[in-house]
Structure formats: structure tokens, C-alpha cells
């Protein structure tokens, strides 16, 4: 029996991350109907939100260190 698969072979230029990611997202969404595209984007939104929340404690730590060093300079 024949096996038919759909596979994207993607190469990304890491020096242009935003543009490349946008193109990949569009390529992945293209074959799906609007409702499925919405589900994919909502899932992606959750993953991005989780990634951002993991970065926030590190960002808060860096800001606290900057504030502390500015206080010690005064």
C-alpha cells in the first residue's frame, strides 16, 4: 500500500530569526483550513507565553542587580 506523507524540509538563517520564524509559521499553516490554523496559532501562543514567563524571573534578577549597583554608586 502506498504511503503518502507531507513533510516540510526547512533551513533557517539564524541571523534573521523573526523573518525566518514568520515564514515557517506561514508555511506550516498554509495547508490547513482557517479553524485548524487558529488552533495551531493558539497552541503556539501558549508555548510562547510559557517561554516568556520562564525568562521573566531571569529578567527580574538582572533588573534587581542593576538597581542594586546603581544604589551602591550613589
C-alpha atoms as a PDB file:
ATOM      1  CA  UNK A   1       0.000   0.000   0.000  1.00  0.00           C
ATOM      2  CA  UNK A   2       1.301   3.449  -0.843  1.00  0.00           C
ATOM      3  CA  UNK A   3       2.257   5.744   1.997  1.00  0.00           C
ATOM      4  CA  UNK A   4       1.828   9.420   1.366  1.00  0.00           C
ATOM      5  CA  UNK A   5       3.264  11.964   3.774  1.00  0.00           C
ATOM      6  CA  UNK A   6       3.576  15.684   3.807  1.00  0.00           C
ATOM      7  CA  UNK A   7       6.950  16.865   5.010  1.00  0.00           C
ATOM      8  CA  UNK A   8       8.498  20.318   5.097  1.00  0.00           C
ATOM      9  CA  UNK A   9      12.269  20.467   4.851  1.00  0.00           C
ATOM     10  CA  UNK A  10      13.177  23.784   6.426  1.00  0.00           C
ATOM     11  CA  UNK A  11      16.516  25.539   6.707  1.00  0.00           C
ATOM     12  CA  UNK A  12      16.606  28.687   8.816  1.00  0.00           C
ATOM     13  CA  UNK A  13      19.084  31.548   8.728  1.00  0.00           C
ATOM     14  CA  UNK A  14      19.736  32.205  12.442  1.00  0.00           C
ATOM     15  CA  UNK A  15      20.888  35.746  11.686  1.00  0.00           C
ATOM     16  CA  UNK A  16      17.276  36.613  10.707  1.00  0.00           C
ATOM     17  CA  UNK A  17      15.249  34.786  13.373  1.00  0.00           C
ATOM     18  CA  UNK A  18      11.996  36.750  13.239  1.00  0.00           C
ATOM     19  CA  UNK A  19      11.634  36.778   9.475  1.00  0.00           C
ATOM     20  CA  UNK A  20      12.528  33.096   9.253  1.00  0.00           C
ATOM     21  CA  UNK A  21      10.106  32.074  12.009  1.00  0.00           C
ATOM     22  CA  UNK A  22       7.301  34.052  10.351  1.00  0.00           C
ATOM     23  CA  UNK A  23       7.941  32.262   7.059  1.00  0.00           C
ATOM     24  CA  UNK A  24       7.977  28.850   8.748  1.00  0.00           C
ATOM     25  CA  UNK A  25       4.711  29.554  10.569  1.00  0.00           C
ATOM     26  CA  UNK A  26       3.058  30.623   7.322  1.00  0.00           C
ATOM     27  CA  UNK A  27       4.355  27.529   5.515  1.00  0.00           C
ATOM     28  CA  UNK A  28       3.020  25.244   8.259  1.00  0.00           C
ATOM     29  CA  UNK A  29      -0.382  26.955   8.360  1.00  0.00           C
ATOM     30  CA  UNK A  30      -0.942  27.118   4.606  1.00  0.00           C
ATOM     31  CA  UNK A  31      -2.410  23.636   4.008  1.00  0.00           C
ATOM     32  CA  UNK A  32      -4.896  23.852   6.888  1.00  0.00           C
ATOM     33  CA  UNK A  33      -8.379  25.355   6.968  1.00  0.00           C
ATOM     34  CA  UNK A  34      -8.871  28.545   8.985  1.00  0.00           C
ATOM     35  CA  UNK A  35     -10.221  26.800  12.104  1.00  0.00           C
ATOM     36  CA  UNK A  36      -7.199  24.479  12.293  1.00  0.00           C
ATOM     37  CA  UNK A  37      -4.867  27.439  11.682  1.00  0.00           C
ATOM     38  CA  UNK A  38      -6.475  29.141  14.656  1.00  0.00           C
ATOM     39  CA  UNK A  39      -5.899  26.058  16.841  1.00  0.00           C
ATOM     40  CA  UNK A  40      -2.262  25.866  15.777  1.00  0.00           C
ATOM     41  CA  UNK A  41      -1.698  29.558  16.481  1.00  0.00           C
ATOM     42  CA  UNK A  42      -3.425  29.317  19.875  1.00  0.00           C
ATOM     43  CA  UNK A  43      -1.155  26.404  20.807  1.00  0.00           C
ATOM     44  CA  UNK A  44       1.859  28.363  19.635  1.00  0.00           C
ATOM     45  CA  UNK A  45       0.659  31.355  21.667  1.00  0.00           C
ATOM     46  CA  UNK A  46       0.565  29.188  24.815  1.00  0.00           C
ATOM     47  CA  UNK A  47       4.073  27.880  24.183  1.00  0.00           C
ATOM     48  CA  UNK A  48       5.420  31.397  23.595  1.00  0.00           C
ATOM     49  CA  UNK A  49       3.706  32.617  26.762  1.00  0.00           C
ATOM     50  CA  UNK A  50       5.317  29.795  28.745  1.00  0.00           C
ATOM     51  CA  UNK A  51       8.733  30.587  27.280  1.00  0.00           C
ATOM     52  CA  UNK A  52       8.335  34.278  28.123  1.00  0.00           C
ATOM     53  CA  UNK A  53       7.271  33.501  31.687  1.00  0.00           C
ATOM     54  CA  UNK A  54      10.385  31.358  32.152  1.00  0.00           C
ATOM     55  CA  UNK A  55      12.507  34.316  31.050  1.00  0.00           C
ATOM     56  CA  UNK A  56      10.843  36.840  33.372  1.00  0.00           C
ATOM     57  CA  UNK A  57      12.478  35.624  36.624  1.00  0.00           C
ATOM     58  CA  UNK A  58      15.899  35.972  34.974  1.00  0.00           C
ATOM     59  CA  UNK A  59      14.982  39.423  33.685  1.00  0.00           C
ATOM     60  CA  UNK A  60      13.733  40.437  37.157  1.00  0.00           C
ATOM     61  CA  UNK A  61      17.004  39.206  38.665  1.00  0.00           C
ATOM     62  CA  UNK A  62      19.043  41.262  36.190  1.00  0.00           C
ATOM     63  CA  UNK A  63      16.965  44.380  36.859  1.00  0.00           C
ATOM     64  CA  UNK A  64      17.395  43.920  40.623  1.00  0.00           C
ATOM     65  CA  UNK A  65      21.153  43.639  40.185  1.00  0.00           C
ATOM     66  CA  UNK A  66      21.224  46.834  38.089  1.00  0.00           C
ATOM     67  CA  UNK A  67      19.149  48.696  40.676  1.00  0.00           C
ATOM     68  CA  UNK A  68      21.409  47.444  43.469  1.00  0.00           C
ATOM     69  CA  UNK A  69      24.550  48.563  41.645  1.00  0.00           C
ATOM     70  CA  UNK A  70      23.003  51.991  40.964  1.00  0.00           C
ATOM     71  CA  UNK A  71      22.139  52.362  44.655  1.00  0.00           C
ATOM     72  CA  UNK A  72      25.667  51.493  45.698  1.00  0.00           C
ATOM     73  CA  UNK A  73      27.067  54.127  43.308  1.00  0.00           C
ATOM     74  CA  UNK A  74      25.037  56.884  44.988  1.00  0.00           C
END
